[in-house]
């Protein structure tokens, strides 16, 4: 990405440079990471669910290689309990950009008896095996993920290039230093690298960038009236995953989603933020991370995410 020298207000014609805005700096870093991976690896793939972080990743990848096509395919681990609005967005985006989409289906593994449904109906923890086996079968050597530094404690332990062993497992002790934005993609046969271009972004950065770039999102991210029920302090959407239970009354509320995932563990928040400006204002005032506020599976224990990452999850 070519950086154009800019001038301070009032210094027009003097050529005085000034620092990039924080969004420009984050964008430039992410574009550099995408190009670095394209140069170092043979078969990278972008995890794409139709959620806002993966949408921003794809937007950055399109920028990094424009006017050429993105030299990576996409991968979605489909739990079978996805929000219809998000799946519709995913399919429209893939078709609109002429991209190739790989789908690893949790339902297929359940149908074959390899995985079993959990008593709580949540399939998020079941994603690890379909993900790791798809990586191995397709021989992906670099896998882009949308993890951010403010998202969850275990996410902050990652480097931009995160080495995974031949079993797709993560060992924090094998993290490599990344001085001066130099990334080491060396890996043995059977190993691969998870790559996080949004490592230095926050939820607020993502939304400010979406606003600046005019990026379309699924409507689920903005306030809308929805049938929900209360469980464990969260508003969940009723669906085919076995809910609600006796005593859990369904009601219509004005809500929006800060993150999207498996419907059985992703909660909505009460909100009237129906525009991107209102969403940004709401997030700037929030004292809870999006996963801490809306993801039931991350509340199982203090180390829930780290334990799953060690097993191969993102």
C-alpha atoms as a PDB file:
ATOM      1  CA  UNK A   1       0.000   0.000   0.000  1.00  0.00           C
ATOM      2  CA  UNK A   2       1.504   3.349  -1.007  1.00  0.00           C
ATOM      3  CA  UNK A   3       1.495   5.991   1.718  1.00  0.00           C
ATOM      4  CA  UNK A   4       0.868   9.493   0.421  1.00  0.00           C
ATOM      5  CA  UNK A   5       2.578  12.313   2.307  1.00  0.00           C
ATOM      6  CA  UNK A   6       0.072  14.628   3.959  1.00  0.00           C
ATOM      7  CA  UNK A   7       0.336  18.142   5.305  1.00  0.00           C
ATOM      8  CA  UNK A   8      -0.971  19.879   8.369  1.00  0.00           C
ATOM      9  CA  UNK A   9      -3.854  22.291   8.037  1.00  0.00           C
ATOM     10  CA  UNK A  10      -2.398  25.690   7.209  1.00  0.00           C
ATOM     11  CA  UNK A  11       0.826  24.210   5.826  1.00  0.00           C
ATOM     12  CA  UNK A  12      -0.498  23.602   2.314  1.00  0.00           C
ATOM     13  CA  UNK A  13       2.307  23.826  -0.183  1.00  0.00           C
ATOM     14  CA  UNK A  14       5.094  23.392   2.376  1.00  0.00           C
ATOM     15  CA  UNK A  15       5.136  19.601   2.152  1.00  0.00           C
ATOM     16  CA  UNK A  16       5.287  19.170   5.939  1.00  0.00           C
ATOM     17  CA  UNK A  17       4.408  15.513   6.695  1.00  0.00           C
ATOM     18  CA  UNK A  18       2.489  14.347   9.732  1.00  0.00           C
ATOM     19  CA  UNK A  19       1.689  10.970  11.206  1.00  0.00           C
ATOM     20  CA  UNK A  20      -1.028   8.755   9.802  1.00  0.00           C
ATOM     21  CA  UNK A  21      -4.334   8.676  11.652  1.00  0.00           C
ATOM     22  CA  UNK A  22      -4.737   5.654  13.912  1.00  0.00           C
ATOM     23  CA  UNK A  23      -7.114   4.029  11.403  1.00  0.00           C
ATOM     24  CA  UNK A  24      -4.690   4.611   8.542  1.00  0.00           C
ATOM     25  CA  UNK A  25      -1.893   3.084  10.615  1.00  0.00           C
ATOM     26  CA  UNK A  26      -3.976   0.025  11.492  1.00  0.00           C
ATOM     27  CA  UNK A  27      -5.050  -0.393   7.875  1.00  0.00           C
ATOM     28  CA  UNK A  28      -1.476  -0.088   6.620  1.00  0.00           C
ATOM     29  CA  UNK A  29      -0.266  -2.699   9.106  1.00  0.00           C
ATOM     30  CA  UNK A  30      -3.036  -5.155   8.132  1.00  0.00           C
ATOM     31  CA  UNK A  31      -2.403  -4.678   4.409  1.00  0.00           C
ATOM     32  CA  UNK A  32       1.299  -5.339   4.998  1.00  0.00           C
ATOM     33  CA  UNK A  33       0.422  -8.562   6.844  1.00  0.00           C
ATOM     34  CA  UNK A  34      -1.803  -9.802   4.000  1.00  0.00           C
ATOM     35  CA  UNK A  35       0.921  -9.120   1.452  1.00  0.00           C
ATOM     36  CA  UNK A  36       3.553 -10.725   3.665  1.00  0.00           C
ATOM     37  CA  UNK A  37       1.489 -13.919   3.886  1.00  0.00           C
ATOM     38  CA  UNK A  38       0.928 -13.946   0.116  1.00  0.00           C
ATOM     39  CA  UNK A  39       4.697 -13.822  -0.355  1.00  0.00           C
ATOM     40  CA  UNK A  40       5.628 -16.418   2.292  1.00  0.00           C
ATOM     41  CA  UNK A  41       2.945 -19.105   2.088  1.00  0.00           C
ATOM     42  CA  UNK A  42       1.627 -21.385  -0.631  1.00  0.00           C
ATOM     43  CA  UNK A  43      -1.998 -21.995   0.382  1.00  0.00           C
ATOM     44  CA  UNK A  44      -3.493 -19.425   2.776  1.00  0.00           C
ATOM     45  CA  UNK A  45      -7.196 -19.153   3.636  1.00  0.00           C
ATOM     46  CA  UNK A  46      -9.327 -16.478   5.350  1.00  0.00           C
ATOM     47  CA  UNK A  47     -11.809 -17.511   8.018  1.00  0.00           C
ATOM     48  CA  UNK A  48     -15.050 -15.832   6.989  1.00  0.00           C
ATOM     49  CA  UNK A  49     -18.300 -16.162   8.914  1.00  0.00           C
ATOM     50  CA  UNK A  50     -20.141 -13.022   7.828  1.00  0.00           C
ATOM     51  CA  UNK A  51     -19.336 -11.399  11.177  1.00  0.00           C
ATOM     52  CA  UNK A  52     -17.994  -7.852  11.331  1.00  0.00           C
ATOM     53  CA  UNK A  53     -14.346  -8.763  12.024  1.00  0.00           C
ATOM     54  CA  UNK A  54     -14.155 -11.215   9.132  1.00  0.00           C
ATOM     55  CA  UNK A  55     -15.939  -8.666   6.929  1.00  0.00           C
ATOM     56  CA  UNK A  56     -13.294  -6.052   7.773  1.00  0.00           C
ATOM     57  CA  UNK A  57     -10.545  -8.639   7.120  1.00  0.00           C
ATOM     58  CA  UNK A  58     -11.938  -9.369   3.679  1.00  0.00           C
ATOM     59  CA  UNK A  59     -12.252  -5.638   2.940  1.00  0.00           C
ATOM     60  CA  UNK A  60      -8.578  -5.191   3.864  1.00  0.00           C
ATOM     61  CA  UNK A  61      -7.560  -8.161   1.710  1.00  0.00           C
ATOM     62  CA  UNK A  62      -9.449  -6.700  -1.248  1.00  0.00           C
ATOM     63  CA  UNK A  63      -7.590  -3.418  -0.724  1.00  0.00           C
ATOM     64  CA  UNK A  64      -4.242  -5.157  -0.381  1.00  0.00           C
ATOM     65  CA  UNK A  65      -4.395  -6.766  -3.837  1.00  0.00           C
ATOM     66  CA  UNK A  66      -6.685  -4.473  -5.824  1.00  0.00           C
ATOM     67  CA  UNK A  67      -7.108  -4.417  -8.808  1.00  0.00           C
ATOM     68  CA  UNK A  68      -6.060  -8.082  -8.793  1.00  0.00           C
ATOM     69  CA  UNK A  69      -8.263 -10.706  -7.202  1.00  0.00           C
ATOM     70  CA  UNK A  70      -7.700 -11.810  -3.599  1.00  0.00           C
ATOM     71  CA  UNK A  71      -5.260 -14.752  -3.835  1.00  0.00           C
ATOM     72  CA  UNK A  72      -6.904 -16.634  -0.960  1.00  0.00           C
ATOM     73  CA  UNK A  73     -10.057 -18.681  -0.582  1.00  0.00           C
ATOM     74  CA  UNK A  74     -12.475 -18.374   2.351  1.00  0.00           C
ATOM     75  CA  UNK A  75     -13.348 -20.899   5.066  1.00  0.00           C
ATOM     76  CA  UNK A  76     -16.452 -20.961   7.269  1.00  0.00           C
ATOM     77  CA  UNK A  77     -16.927 -23.391  10.148  1.00  0.00           C
ATOM     78  CA  UNK A  78     -20.707 -23.800  10.043  1.00  0.00           C
ATOM     79  CA  UNK A  79     -22.231 -24.843  13.376  1.00  0.00           C
ATOM     80  CA  UNK A  80     -25.682 -25.306  11.829  1.00  0.00           C
ATOM     81  CA  UNK A  81     -27.021 -22.770  14.339  1.00  0.00           C
ATOM     82  CA  UNK A  82     -26.136 -19.623  12.449  1.00  0.00           C
ATOM     83  CA  UNK A  83     -28.258 -16.503  12.192  1.00  0.00           C
ATOM     84  CA  UNK A  84     -30.033 -16.540   8.802  1.00  0.00           C
ATOM     85  CA  UNK A  85     -29.182 -12.863   8.180  1.00  0.00           C
ATOM     86  CA  UNK A  86     -25.490 -13.643   8.543  1.00  0.00           C
ATOM     87  CA  UNK A  87     -25.515 -16.672   6.242  1.00  0.00           C
ATOM     88  CA  UNK A  88     -27.357 -14.651   3.620  1.00  0.00           C
ATOM     89  CA  UNK A  89     -24.726 -11.923   3.848  1.00  0.00           C
ATOM     90  CA  UNK A  90     -21.923 -14.503   3.619  1.00  0.00           C
ATOM     91  CA  UNK A  91     -23.319 -16.043   0.438  1.00  0.00           C
ATOM     92  CA  UNK A  92     -23.996 -12.687  -1.212  1.00  0.00           C
ATOM     93  CA  UNK A  93     -20.479 -11.489  -0.456  1.00  0.00           C
ATOM     94  CA  UNK A  94     -18.824 -14.637  -1.792  1.00  0.00           C
ATOM     95  CA  UNK A  95     -20.855 -14.460  -5.004  1.00  0.00           C
ATOM     96  CA  UNK A  96     -20.350 -10.707  -5.398  1.00  0.00           C
ATOM     97  CA  UNK A  97     -16.557 -10.959  -5.294  1.00  0.00           C
ATOM     98  CA  UNK A  98     -16.271 -14.274  -7.140  1.00  0.00           C
ATOM     99  CA  UNK A  99     -14.531 -15.964  -4.224  1.00  0.00           C
ATOM    100  CA  UNK A 100     -14.214 -19.645  -3.367  1.00  0.00           C
ATOM    101  CA  UNK A 101     -15.809 -20.692  -0.073  1.00  0.00           C
ATOM    102  CA  UNK A 102     -14.909 -23.844   1.868  1.00  0.00           C
ATOM    103  CA  UNK A 103     -17.439 -24.927   4.501  1.00  0.00           C
ATOM    104  CA  UNK A 104     -16.617 -27.205   7.430  1.00  0.00           C
ATOM    105  CA  UNK A 105     -19.958 -28.404   8.781  1.00  0.00           C
ATOM    106  CA  UNK A 106     -20.443 -29.380  12.428  1.00  0.00           C
ATOM    107  CA  UNK A 107     -23.754 -31.016  11.452  1.00  0.00           C
ATOM    108  CA  UNK A 108     -21.922 -33.416   9.122  1.00  0.00           C
ATOM    109  CA  UNK A 109     -19.763 -34.594  12.017  1.00  0.00           C
ATOM    110  CA  UNK A 110     -22.824 -35.067  14.214  1.00  0.00           C
ATOM    111  CA  UNK A 111     -24.633 -37.019  11.485  1.00  0.00           C
ATOM    112  CA  UNK A 112     -21.610 -39.328  11.134  1.00  0.00           C
ATOM    113  CA  UNK A 113     -21.455 -39.894  14.879  1.00  0.00           C
ATOM    114  CA  UNK A 114     -18.011 -38.317  15.198  1.00  0.00           C
ATOM    115  CA  UNK A 115     -19.343 -35.526  17.416  1.00  0.00           C
ATOM    116  CA  UNK A 116     -22.249 -35.544  19.861  1.00  0.00           C
ATOM    117  CA  UNK A 117     -24.678 -32.778  20.698  1.00  0.00           C
ATOM    118  CA  UNK A 118     -24.045 -31.130  24.041  1.00  0.00           C
ATOM    119  CA  UNK A 119     -26.825 -31.139  26.655  1.00  0.00           C
ATOM    120  CA  UNK A 120     -27.022 -27.333  26.511  1.00  0.00           C
ATOM    121  CA  UNK A 121     -27.392 -27.361  22.703  1.00  0.00           C
ATOM    122  CA  UNK A 122     -24.311 -25.201  22.224  1.00  0.00           C
ATOM    123  CA  UNK A 123     -22.170 -26.133  19.240  1.00  0.00           C
ATOM    124  CA  UNK A 124     -19.436 -23.526  19.526  1.00  0.00           C
ATOM    125  CA  UNK A 125     -17.069 -25.914  21.364  1.00  0.00           C
ATOM    126  CA  UNK A 126     -17.708 -28.502  18.618  1.00  0.00           C
ATOM    127  CA  UNK A 127     -16.092 -26.370  15.915  1.00  0.00           C
ATOM    128  CA  UNK A 128     -12.506 -27.388  16.677  1.00  0.00           C
ATOM    129  CA  UNK A 129     -12.466 -30.804  14.974  1.00  0.00           C
ATOM    130  CA  UNK A 130     -14.167 -29.699  11.707  1.00  0.00           C
ATOM    131  CA  UNK A 131     -11.840 -26.692  11.564  1.00  0.00           C
ATOM    132  CA  UNK A 132      -8.604 -28.612  12.147  1.00  0.00           C
ATOM    133  CA  UNK A 133      -9.510 -31.467   9.813  1.00  0.00           C
ATOM    134  CA  UNK A 134     -10.472 -29.037   7.027  1.00  0.00           C
ATOM    135  CA  UNK A 135      -7.117 -27.270   7.446  1.00  0.00           C
ATOM    136  CA  UNK A 136      -5.318 -30.603   7.186  1.00  0.00           C
ATOM    137  CA  UNK A 137      -7.337 -31.992   4.274  1.00  0.00           C
ATOM    138  CA  UNK A 138      -6.988 -28.797   2.205  1.00  0.00           C
ATOM    139  CA  UNK A 139      -3.359 -28.355   3.291  1.00  0.00           C
ATOM    140  CA  UNK A 140      -3.805 -24.737   4.298  1.00  0.00           C
ATOM    141  CA  UNK A 141      -0.479 -23.456   5.583  1.00  0.00           C
ATOM    142  CA  UNK A 142      -1.712 -20.049   6.798  1.00  0.00           C
ATOM    143  CA  UNK A 143      -5.158 -19.327   8.227  1.00  0.00           C
ATOM    144  CA  UNK A 144      -6.311 -15.742   8.762  1.00  0.00           C
ATOM    145  CA  UNK A 145      -8.441 -15.080  11.835  1.00  0.00           C
ATOM    146  CA  UNK A 146     -10.124 -11.927  13.107  1.00  0.00           C
ATOM    147  CA  UNK A 147      -8.924 -12.021  16.733  1.00  0.00           C
ATOM    148  CA  UNK A 148      -8.396  -8.592  18.313  1.00  0.00           C
ATOM    149  CA  UNK A 149      -6.357  -7.531  21.341  1.00  0.00           C
ATOM    150  CA  UNK A 150      -9.369  -6.377  23.385  1.00  0.00           C
ATOM    151  CA  UNK A 151     -11.596  -9.341  22.652  1.00  0.00           C
ATOM    152  CA  UNK A 152     -10.633 -11.850  25.340  1.00  0.00           C
ATOM    153  CA  UNK A 153      -7.649 -12.500  27.624  1.00  0.00           C
ATOM    154  CA  UNK A 154      -6.299 -15.455  25.660  1.00  0.00           C
ATOM    155  CA  UNK A 155      -6.498 -13.518  22.374  1.00  0.00           C
ATOM    156  CA  UNK A 156      -4.033 -10.972  23.752  1.00  0.00           C
ATOM    157  CA  UNK A 157      -1.393 -13.703  24.184  1.00  0.00           C
ATOM    158  CA  UNK A 158      -1.222 -14.335  20.448  1.00  0.00           C
ATOM    159  CA  UNK A 159       1.385 -12.968  18.102  1.00  0.00           C
ATOM    160  CA  UNK A 160       0.387 -11.812  14.629  1.00  0.00           C
ATOM    161  CA  UNK A 161       1.872 -15.062  13.279  1.00  0.00           C
ATOM    162  CA  UNK A 162       0.839 -17.853  15.665  1.00  0.00           C
ATOM    163  CA  UNK A 163       2.458 -21.221  15.026  1.00  0.00           C
ATOM    164  CA  UNK A 164       0.292 -24.343  15.347  1.00  0.00           C
ATOM    165  CA  UNK A 165       1.721 -27.861  15.492  1.00  0.00           C
ATOM    166  CA  UNK A 166       0.773 -30.848  13.304  1.00  0.00           C
ATOM    167  CA  UNK A 167      -2.297 -31.369  15.507  1.00  0.00           C
ATOM    168  CA  UNK A 168      -3.313 -27.678  15.122  1.00  0.00           C
ATOM    169  CA  UNK A 169      -2.585 -27.132  18.803  1.00  0.00           C
ATOM    170  CA  UNK A 170      -1.349 -23.850  20.245  1.00  0.00           C
ATOM    171  CA  UNK A 171       1.513 -23.594  22.734  1.00  0.00           C
ATOM    172  CA  UNK A 172       2.043 -20.070  24.160  1.00  0.00           C
ATOM    173  CA  UNK A 173       5.686 -21.004  24.900  1.00  0.00           C
ATOM    174  CA  UNK A 174       6.370 -21.385  21.167  1.00  0.00           C
ATOM    175  CA  UNK A 175       5.316 -17.827  20.354  1.00  0.00           C
ATOM    176  CA  UNK A 176       8.015 -16.052  18.377  1.00  0.00           C
ATOM    177  CA  UNK A 177       9.200 -12.468  18.897  1.00  0.00           C
ATOM    178  CA  UNK A 178       7.950 -10.024  16.260  1.00  0.00           C
ATOM    179  CA  UNK A 179      10.319  -7.085  16.383  1.00  0.00           C
ATOM    180  CA  UNK A 180      10.117  -4.250  13.866  1.00  0.00           C
ATOM    181  CA  UNK A 181       7.083  -5.852  12.191  1.00  0.00           C
ATOM    182  CA  UNK A 182       9.166  -8.803  11.004  1.00  0.00           C
ATOM    183  CA  UNK A 183       7.084 -11.976  10.885  1.00  0.00           C
ATOM    184  CA  UNK A 184       8.526 -15.477  10.923  1.00  0.00           C
ATOM    185  CA  UNK A 185       6.339 -17.865   8.938  1.00  0.00           C
ATOM    186  CA  UNK A 186       8.710 -20.830   9.093  1.00  0.00           C
ATOM    187  CA  UNK A 187       6.913 -24.071   9.920  1.00  0.00           C
ATOM    188  CA  UNK A 188       7.563 -27.798   9.623  1.00  0.00           C
ATOM    189  CA  UNK A 189       5.538 -30.076   7.308  1.00  0.00           C
ATOM    190  CA  UNK A 190       2.091 -30.618   8.811  1.00  0.00           C
ATOM    191  CA  UNK A 191       2.259 -27.430  10.884  1.00  0.00           C
ATOM    192  CA  UNK A 192       0.556 -24.192   9.925  1.00  0.00           C
ATOM    193  CA  UNK A 193       0.390 -20.587  11.048  1.00  0.00           C
ATOM    194  CA  UNK A 194      -2.670 -18.711  12.282  1.00  0.00           C
ATOM    195  CA  UNK A 195      -2.433 -15.071  11.190  1.00  0.00           C
ATOM    196  CA  UNK A 196      -4.222 -12.183  12.925  1.00  0.00           C
ATOM    197  CA  UNK A 197      -4.193  -8.942  10.880  1.00  0.00           C
ATOM    198  CA  UNK A 198      -6.488  -7.230  13.420  1.00  0.00           C
ATOM    199  CA  UNK A 199      -4.249  -8.000  16.401  1.00  0.00           C
ATOM    200  CA  UNK A 200      -3.817  -4.332  17.317  1.00  0.00           C
ATOM    201  CA  UNK A 201      -7.441  -3.333  16.677  1.00  0.00           C
ATOM    202  CA  UNK A 202     -10.218  -2.823  19.209  1.00  0.00           C
ATOM    203  CA  UNK A 203     -13.961  -3.208  18.758  1.00  0.00           C
ATOM    204  CA  UNK A 204     -14.225   0.580  18.545  1.00  0.00           C
ATOM    205  CA  UNK A 205     -11.489   0.707  15.881  1.00  0.00           C
ATOM    206  CA  UNK A 206     -13.394  -1.864  13.819  1.00  0.00           C
ATOM    207  CA  UNK A 207     -16.620   0.155  13.959  1.00  0.00           C
ATOM    208  CA  UNK A 208     -14.874   3.448  13.203  1.00  0.00           C
ATOM    209  CA  UNK A 209     -13.211   1.806  10.208  1.00  0.00           C
ATOM    210  CA  UNK A 210     -16.528   0.368   9.014  1.00  0.00           C
ATOM    211  CA  UNK A 211     -18.010   3.869   9.217  1.00  0.00           C
ATOM    212  CA  UNK A 212     -15.105   5.463   7.370  1.00  0.00           C
ATOM    213  CA  UNK A 213     -15.057   2.869   4.602  1.00  0.00           C
ATOM    214  CA  UNK A 214     -18.849   2.599   4.247  1.00  0.00           C
ATOM    215  CA  UNK A 215     -18.757  -1.183   4.704  1.00  0.00           C
ATOM    216  CA  UNK A 216     -22.106  -2.960   4.597  1.00  0.00           C
ATOM    217  CA  UNK A 217     -22.906  -5.262   7.535  1.00  0.00           C
ATOM    218  CA  UNK A 218     -25.737  -7.714   8.250  1.00  0.00           C
ATOM    219  CA  UNK A 219     -28.674  -5.834   9.769  1.00  0.00           C
ATOM    220  CA  UNK A 220     -28.382  -7.942  12.926  1.00  0.00           C
ATOM    221  CA  UNK A 221     -25.628  -5.587  14.135  1.00  0.00           C
ATOM    222  CA  UNK A 222     -28.089  -2.684  14.358  1.00  0.00           C
ATOM    223  CA  UNK A 223     -31.070  -2.269  16.665  1.00  0.00           C
ATOM    224  CA  UNK A 224     -34.151  -4.183  15.528  1.00  0.00           C
ATOM    225  CA  UNK A 225     -37.201  -5.775  17.118  1.00  0.00           C
ATOM    226  CA  UNK A 226     -36.612  -9.474  17.743  1.00  0.00           C
ATOM    227  CA  UNK A 227     -38.197 -12.351  19.628  1.00  0.00           C
ATOM    228  CA  UNK A 228     -35.820 -13.277  22.448  1.00  0.00           C
ATOM    229  CA  UNK A 229     -35.813 -14.981  25.840  1.00  0.00           C
ATOM    230  CA  UNK A 230     -33.670 -14.515  28.952  1.00  0.00           C
ATOM    231  CA  UNK A 231     -31.057 -17.089  30.002  1.00  0.00           C
ATOM    232  CA  UNK A 232     -28.024 -16.626  32.240  1.00  0.00           C
ATOM    233  CA  UNK A 233     -28.315 -12.857  31.997  1.00  0.00           C
ATOM    234  CA  UNK A 234     -28.416 -12.781  28.176  1.00  0.00           C
ATOM    235  CA  UNK A 235     -31.111 -12.334  25.545  1.00  0.00           C
ATOM    236  CA  UNK A 236     -31.013 -15.377  23.233  1.00  0.00           C
ATOM    237  CA  UNK A 237     -32.917 -15.963  20.010  1.00  0.00           C
ATOM    238  CA  UNK A 238     -35.294 -18.912  19.927  1.00  0.00           C
ATOM    239  CA  UNK A 239     -34.407 -21.444  17.269  1.00  0.00           C
ATOM    240  CA  UNK A 240     -34.112 -25.093  16.254  1.00  0.00           C
ATOM    241  CA  UNK A 241     -31.300 -25.683  18.733  1.00  0.00           C
ATOM    242  CA  UNK A 242     -33.727 -26.706  21.519  1.00  0.00           C
ATOM    243  CA  UNK A 243     -34.895 -23.545  23.174  1.00  0.00           C
ATOM    244  CA  UNK A 244     -36.495 -21.936  25.076  1.00  0.00           C
ATOM    245  CA  UNK A 245     -36.955 -24.174  28.094  1.00  0.00           C
ATOM    246  CA  UNK A 246     -39.946 -24.249  30.404  1.00  0.00           C
ATOM    247  CA  UNK A 247     -40.208 -20.986  32.263  1.00  0.00           C
ATOM    248  CA  UNK A 248     -38.224 -19.019  29.666  1.00  0.00           C
ATOM    249  CA  UNK A 249     -40.764 -16.633  28.206  1.00  0.00           C
ATOM    250  CA  UNK A 250     -40.281 -15.332  24.671  1.00  0.00           C
ATOM    251  CA  UNK A 251     -40.810 -11.610  24.246  1.00  0.00           C
ATOM    252  CA  UNK A 252     -40.252  -8.971  21.613  1.00  0.00           C
ATOM    253  CA  UNK A 253     -37.488  -6.493  22.418  1.00  0.00           C
ATOM    254  CA  UNK A 254     -35.438  -3.847  20.664  1.00  0.00           C
ATOM    255  CA  UNK A 255     -31.971  -5.396  20.555  1.00  0.00           C
ATOM    256  CA  UNK A 256     -28.803  -5.630  18.517  1.00  0.00           C
ATOM    257  CA  UNK A 257     -25.839  -8.021  18.404  1.00  0.00           C
ATOM    258  CA  UNK A 258     -22.273  -6.966  19.167  1.00  0.00           C
ATOM    259  CA  UNK A 259     -20.907 -10.255  17.867  1.00  0.00           C
ATOM    260  CA  UNK A 260     -22.463 -13.120  15.922  1.00  0.00           C
ATOM    261  CA  UNK A 261     -21.858 -16.846  16.209  1.00  0.00           C
ATOM    262  CA  UNK A 262     -23.732 -19.921  17.344  1.00  0.00           C
ATOM    263  CA  UNK A 263     -27.286 -18.810  18.184  1.00  0.00           C
ATOM    264  CA  UNK A 264     -27.315 -20.970  21.314  1.00  0.00           C
ATOM    265  CA  UNK A 265     -24.562 -19.006  23.066  1.00  0.00           C
ATOM    266  CA  UNK A 266     -24.568 -15.557  21.428  1.00  0.00           C
ATOM    267  CA  UNK A 267     -26.634 -12.997  23.275  1.00  0.00           C
ATOM    268  CA  UNK A 268     -28.201  -9.759  22.114  1.00  0.00           C
ATOM    269  CA  UNK A 269     -28.003  -6.505  24.040  1.00  0.00           C
ATOM    270  CA  UNK A 270     -30.807  -4.031  24.652  1.00  0.00           C
ATOM    271  CA  UNK A 271     -30.109  -1.141  22.327  1.00  0.00           C
ATOM    272  CA  UNK A 272     -31.706   1.578  20.238  1.00  0.00           C
ATOM    273  CA  UNK A 273     -28.523   2.044  18.162  1.00  0.00           C
ATOM    274  CA  UNK A 274     -29.979   1.692  14.677  1.00  0.00           C
ATOM    275  CA  UNK A 275     -27.275   3.714  12.899  1.00  0.00           C
ATOM    276  CA  UNK A 276     -23.517   3.307  12.792  1.00  0.00           C
ATOM    277  CA  UNK A 277     -23.041   6.630  14.588  1.00  0.00           C
ATOM    278  CA  UNK A 278     -25.207   5.452  17.482  1.00  0.00           C
ATOM    279  CA  UNK A 279     -23.382   2.103  17.610  1.00  0.00           C
ATOM    280  CA  UNK A 280     -20.003   3.860  17.879  1.00  0.00           C
ATOM    281  CA  UNK A 281     -21.299   6.091  20.675  1.00  0.00           C
ATOM    282  CA  UNK A 282     -22.687   3.045  22.504  1.00  0.00           C
ATOM    283  CA  UNK A 283     -19.435   1.072  22.235  1.00  0.00           C
ATOM    284  CA  UNK A 284     -17.312   4.030  23.313  1.00  0.00           C
ATOM    285  CA  UNK A 285     -19.337   4.196  26.559  1.00  0.00           C
ATOM    286  CA  UNK A 286     -19.344   0.424  27.204  1.00  0.00           C
ATOM    287  CA  UNK A 287     -17.186  -1.098  29.946  1.00  0.00           C
ATOM    288  CA  UNK A 288     -17.750  -4.706  28.867  1.00  0.00           C
ATOM    289  CA  UNK A 289     -15.999  -6.463  26.003  1.00  0.00           C
ATOM    290  CA  UNK A 290     -18.306  -7.873  23.357  1.00  0.00           C
ATOM    291  CA  UNK A 291     -17.455 -11.472  24.231  1.00  0.00           C
ATOM    292  CA  UNK A 292     -17.718 -10.858  27.959  1.00  0.00           C
ATOM    293  CA  UNK A 293     -21.148  -9.337  27.496  1.00  0.00           C
ATOM    294  CA  UNK A 294     -22.636 -11.631  24.863  1.00  0.00           C
ATOM    295  CA  UNK A 295     -20.866 -15.013  24.630  1.00  0.00           C
ATOM    296  CA  UNK A 296     -22.018 -17.666  27.110  1.00  0.00           C
ATOM    297  CA  UNK A 297     -19.307 -20.175  26.132  1.00  0.00           C
ATOM    298  CA  UNK A 298     -16.581 -17.781  27.301  1.00  0.00           C
ATOM    299  CA  UNK A 299     -18.133 -17.654  30.772  1.00  0.00           C
ATOM    300  CA  UNK A 300     -17.589 -21.344  31.512  1.00  0.00           C
ATOM    301  CA  UNK A 301     -14.273 -20.573  33.220  1.00  0.00           C
ATOM    302  CA  UNK A 302     -11.534 -17.957  33.322  1.00  0.00           C
ATOM    303  CA  UNK A 303      -9.446 -20.084  30.948  1.00  0.00           C
ATOM    304  CA  UNK A 304     -12.270 -21.335  28.681  1.00  0.00           C
ATOM    305  CA  UNK A 305     -10.966 -19.665  25.518  1.00  0.00           C
ATOM    306  CA  UNK A 306      -7.326 -20.489  26.203  1.00  0.00           C
ATOM    307  CA  UNK A 307      -8.161 -24.159  26.759  1.00  0.00           C
ATOM    308  CA  UNK A 308     -10.002 -24.274  23.422  1.00  0.00           C
ATOM    309  CA  UNK A 309      -7.173 -22.471  21.639  1.00  0.00           C
ATOM    310  CA  UNK A 310      -4.675 -25.032  22.920  1.00  0.00           C
ATOM    311  CA  UNK A 311      -6.848 -27.728  21.330  1.00  0.00           C
ATOM    312  CA  UNK A 312      -6.925 -26.004  17.942  1.00  0.00           C
ATOM    313  CA  UNK A 313      -9.737 -23.462  18.153  1.00  0.00           C
ATOM    314  CA  UNK A 314      -9.135 -19.816  17.277  1.00  0.00           C
END
